[in-house]
Amino acid sequence: MALETSILKTIRAALGILPTITDFDPELIVAINSALMAVSQLGVGPEGGFLITGVDELWSQFVGEAENIEAIKSYILIKARLEFDPPGTSFLLASFERQLTELAWRLMVEVDPDLVPAE
């Protein structure tokens, strides 16, 4: 997806919520902002953090010049989904948690390649 796409619209669509359904937006915004805080603590996004308030905040505003935007989107989507609509099975929950762990590691290495020990 383009960087000029709304963060809320992207997450809403990825969760299978039709664009015309905005009833869940307040809960989604909270979940997305929690995920944005988490990814900011990994060193991704603007210094000082980032919040969305609706559909006006774009991916480009959050990531700036970052190249691996899809990994950032995946992390935020999974994190938001776990808060907004957690899976019904422990197997799926464990899978999401493993994905988050891997994405967090990869994002941290992207921000600071020195985290990977030299061979």
C-alpha atoms as a PDB file:
ATOM      1  CA  MET A   1       0.000   0.000   0.000  1.00  0.00           C
ATOM      2  CA  ALA A   2       1.090   3.514  -0.661  1.00  0.00           C
ATOM      3  CA  LEU A   3       2.611   5.651   2.038  1.00  0.00           C
ATOM      4  CA  GLU A   4      -0.146   8.197   1.428  1.00  0.00           C
ATOM      5  CA  THR A   5      -2.734   5.753   2.785  1.00  0.00           C
ATOM      6  CA  SER A   6      -4.525   6.308   6.074  1.00  0.00           C
ATOM      7  CA  ILE A   7      -3.191   4.171   8.924  1.00  0.00           C
ATOM      8  CA  LEU A   8      -6.694   3.609  10.303  1.00  0.00           C
ATOM      9  CA  LYS A   9      -8.127   2.692   6.891  1.00  0.00           C
ATOM     10  CA  THR A  10      -5.295   0.212   6.283  1.00  0.00           C
ATOM     11  CA  ILE A  11      -5.775  -1.552   9.619  1.00  0.00           C
ATOM     12  CA  ARG A  12      -9.561  -1.479   9.291  1.00  0.00           C
ATOM     13  CA  ALA A  13      -9.333  -3.143   5.853  1.00  0.00           C
ATOM     14  CA  ALA A  14      -6.782  -5.722   7.035  1.00  0.00           C
ATOM     15  CA  LEU A  15      -9.159  -6.707   9.828  1.00  0.00           C
ATOM     16  CA  GLY A  16     -11.926  -7.260   7.268  1.00  0.00           C
ATOM     17  CA  ILE A  17     -13.985  -4.252   8.334  1.00  0.00           C
ATOM     18  CA  LEU A  18     -15.757  -2.572   5.435  1.00  0.00           C
ATOM     19  CA  PRO A  19     -14.750   1.049   4.759  1.00  0.00           C
ATOM     20  CA  THR A  20     -18.293   2.223   5.436  1.00  0.00           C
ATOM     21  CA  ILE A  21     -18.330   0.721   8.931  1.00  0.00           C
ATOM     22  CA  THR A  22     -16.844   3.197  11.381  1.00  0.00           C
ATOM     23  CA  ASP A  23     -18.563   1.956  14.541  1.00  0.00           C
ATOM     24  CA  PHE A  24     -15.354   0.284  15.744  1.00  0.00           C
ATOM     25  CA  ASP A  25     -13.064   3.234  15.032  1.00  0.00           C
ATOM     26  CA  PRO A  26     -12.736   4.384  18.677  1.00  0.00           C
ATOM     27  CA  GLU A  27     -11.584   0.916  19.777  1.00  0.00           C
ATOM     28  CA  LEU A  28      -9.352   0.528  16.716  1.00  0.00           C
ATOM     29  CA  ILE A  29      -7.730   3.904  17.337  1.00  0.00           C
ATOM     30  CA  VAL A  30      -6.843   2.872  20.897  1.00  0.00           C
ATOM     31  CA  ALA A  31      -5.417  -0.450  19.691  1.00  0.00           C
ATOM     32  CA  ILE A  32      -3.469   1.217  16.862  1.00  0.00           C
ATOM     33  CA  ASN A  33      -2.063   3.867  19.194  1.00  0.00           C
ATOM     34  CA  SER A  34      -0.910   1.154  21.599  1.00  0.00           C
ATOM     35  CA  ALA A  35       0.820  -0.599  18.694  1.00  0.00           C
ATOM     36  CA  LEU A  36       2.363   2.685  17.516  1.00  0.00           C
ATOM     37  CA  MET A  37       3.751   3.247  21.000  1.00  0.00           C
ATOM     38  CA  ALA A  38       5.248  -0.247  21.042  1.00  0.00           C
ATOM     39  CA  VAL A  39       6.885   0.132  17.631  1.00  0.00           C
ATOM     40  CA  SER A  40       8.142   3.598  18.610  1.00  0.00           C
ATOM     41  CA  GLN A  41       9.906   2.007  21.569  1.00  0.00           C
ATOM     42  CA  LEU A  42      11.683  -0.234  19.053  1.00  0.00           C
ATOM     43  CA  GLY A  43      13.096   2.916  17.474  1.00  0.00           C
ATOM     44  CA  VAL A  44      10.699   3.193  14.538  1.00  0.00           C
ATOM     45  CA  GLY A  45       8.796   6.364  13.746  1.00  0.00           C
ATOM     46  CA  PRO A  46       9.148   9.974  14.792  1.00  0.00           C
ATOM     47  CA  GLU A  47      11.098  10.858  17.896  1.00  0.00           C
ATOM     48  CA  GLY A  48       8.649  11.523  20.695  1.00  0.00           C
ATOM     49  CA  GLY A  49       6.058   9.066  19.407  1.00  0.00           C
ATOM     50  CA  PHE A  50       3.020   9.296  17.172  1.00  0.00           C
ATOM     51  CA  LEU A  51      -0.748   9.073  17.668  1.00  0.00           C
ATOM     52  CA  ILE A  52      -3.672   8.801  15.313  1.00  0.00           C
ATOM     53  CA  THR A  53      -7.022  10.441  15.961  1.00  0.00           C
ATOM     54  CA  GLY A  54      -8.903   9.253  12.885  1.00  0.00           C
ATOM     55  CA  VAL A  55      -8.452   8.639   9.182  1.00  0.00           C
ATOM     56  CA  ASP A  56      -6.290  11.686   8.487  1.00  0.00           C
ATOM     57  CA  GLU A  57      -2.963  10.295   9.752  1.00  0.00           C
ATOM     58  CA  LEU A  58      -0.954   8.668   6.966  1.00  0.00           C
ATOM     59  CA  TRP A  59       1.767   6.034   6.945  1.00  0.00           C
ATOM     60  CA  SER A  60       4.149   8.599   5.457  1.00  0.00           C
ATOM     61  CA  GLN A  61       3.684  10.815   8.506  1.00  0.00           C
ATOM     62  CA  PHE A  62       4.662   7.968  10.803  1.00  0.00           C
ATOM     63  CA  VAL A  63       7.519   6.310   8.915  1.00  0.00           C
ATOM     64  CA  GLY A  64       9.100   9.236   7.126  1.00  0.00           C
ATOM     65  CA  GLU A  65      11.874   7.798   4.966  1.00  0.00           C
ATOM     66  CA  ALA A  66      11.759   4.224   6.321  1.00  0.00           C
ATOM     67  CA  GLU A  67      12.202   1.623   3.610  1.00  0.00           C
ATOM     68  CA  ASN A  68      10.713  -1.502   5.180  1.00  0.00           C
ATOM     69  CA  ILE A  69       7.222  -0.128   5.648  1.00  0.00           C
ATOM     70  CA  GLU A  70       5.483  -3.472   5.160  1.00  0.00           C
ATOM     71  CA  ALA A  71       7.209  -4.950   8.229  1.00  0.00           C
ATOM     72  CA  ILE A  72       6.080  -1.920  10.225  1.00  0.00           C
ATOM     73  CA  LYS A  73       2.525  -2.334   8.949  1.00  0.00           C
ATOM     74  CA  SER A  74       2.574  -6.037   9.810  1.00  0.00           C
ATOM     75  CA  TYR A  75       3.776  -5.363  13.345  1.00  0.00           C
ATOM     76  CA  ILE A  76       1.126  -2.696  13.949  1.00  0.00           C
ATOM     77  CA  LEU A  77      -1.613  -4.840  12.400  1.00  0.00           C
ATOM     78  CA  ILE A  78      -0.820  -7.912  14.493  1.00  0.00           C
ATOM     79  CA  LYS A  79      -0.413  -5.882  17.687  1.00  0.00           C
ATOM     80  CA  ALA A  80      -3.688  -4.010  17.066  1.00  0.00           C
ATOM     81  CA  ARG A  81      -5.508  -7.223  16.159  1.00  0.00           C
ATOM     82  CA  LEU A  82      -4.416  -8.920  19.369  1.00  0.00           C
ATOM     83  CA  GLU A  83      -5.897  -6.052  21.357  1.00  0.00           C
ATOM     84  CA  PHE A  84      -8.990  -5.433  19.219  1.00  0.00           C
ATOM     85  CA  ASP A  85      -9.935  -8.958  18.119  1.00  0.00           C
ATOM     86  CA  PRO A  86      -7.774 -11.621  19.795  1.00  0.00           C
ATOM     87  CA  PRO A  87      -7.784 -15.105  18.265  1.00  0.00           C
ATOM     88  CA  GLY A  88      -9.972 -17.797  19.734  1.00  0.00           C
ATOM     89  CA  THR A  89      -7.325 -20.496  19.850  1.00  0.00           C
ATOM     90  CA  SER A  90      -4.066 -20.720  21.741  1.00  0.00           C
ATOM     91  CA  PHE A  91      -2.337 -21.982  18.580  1.00  0.00           C
ATOM     92  CA  LEU A  92      -3.191 -18.851  16.619  1.00  0.00           C
ATOM     93  CA  LEU A  93      -2.325 -16.632  19.580  1.00  0.00           C
ATOM     94  CA  ALA A  94       1.092 -18.303  19.859  1.00  0.00           C
ATOM     95  CA  SER A  95       1.634 -17.844  16.120  1.00  0.00           C
ATOM     96  CA  PHE A  96       0.851 -14.118  16.330  1.00  0.00           C
ATOM     97  CA  GLU A  97       3.147 -13.735  19.328  1.00  0.00           C
ATOM     98  CA  ARG A  98       6.006 -15.468  17.458  1.00  0.00           C
ATOM     99  CA  GLN A  99       5.451 -13.194  14.474  1.00  0.00           C
ATOM    100  CA  LEU A 100       5.555 -10.135  16.738  1.00  0.00           C
ATOM    101  CA  THR A 101       8.790 -11.298  18.335  1.00  0.00           C
ATOM    102  CA  GLU A 102      10.444 -11.831  14.963  1.00  0.00           C
ATOM    103  CA  LEU A 103       9.164  -8.558  13.510  1.00  0.00           C
ATOM    104  CA  ALA A 104      10.304  -6.654  16.614  1.00  0.00           C
ATOM    105  CA  TRP A 105      13.798  -8.117  16.278  1.00  0.00           C
ATOM    106  CA  ARG A 106      13.965  -7.335  12.571  1.00  0.00           C
ATOM    107  CA  LEU A 107      12.729  -3.772  13.075  1.00  0.00           C
ATOM    108  CA  MET A 108      15.280  -3.163  15.841  1.00  0.00           C
ATOM    109  CA  VAL A 109      18.064  -4.502  13.604  1.00  0.00           C
ATOM    110  CA  GLU A 110      16.835  -2.306  10.758  1.00  0.00           C
ATOM    111  CA  VAL A 111      17.089   0.724  13.040  1.00  0.00           C
ATOM    112  CA  ASP A 112      20.402  -0.360  14.610  1.00  0.00           C
ATOM    113  CA  PRO A 113      22.345  -2.933  12.541  1.00  0.00           C
ATOM    114  CA  ASP A 114      24.991  -3.098  15.300  1.00  0.00           C
ATOM    115  CA  LEU A 115      22.591  -5.307  17.270  1.00  0.00           C
ATOM    116  CA  VAL A 116      23.677  -8.230  15.096  1.00  0.00           C
ATOM    117  CA  PRO A 117      26.994  -9.560  16.378  1.00  0.00           C
ATOM    118  CA  ALA A 118      29.858  -9.547  13.913  1.00  0.00           C
ATOM    119  CA  GLU A 119      31.074 -12.974  12.864  1.00  0.00           C
END
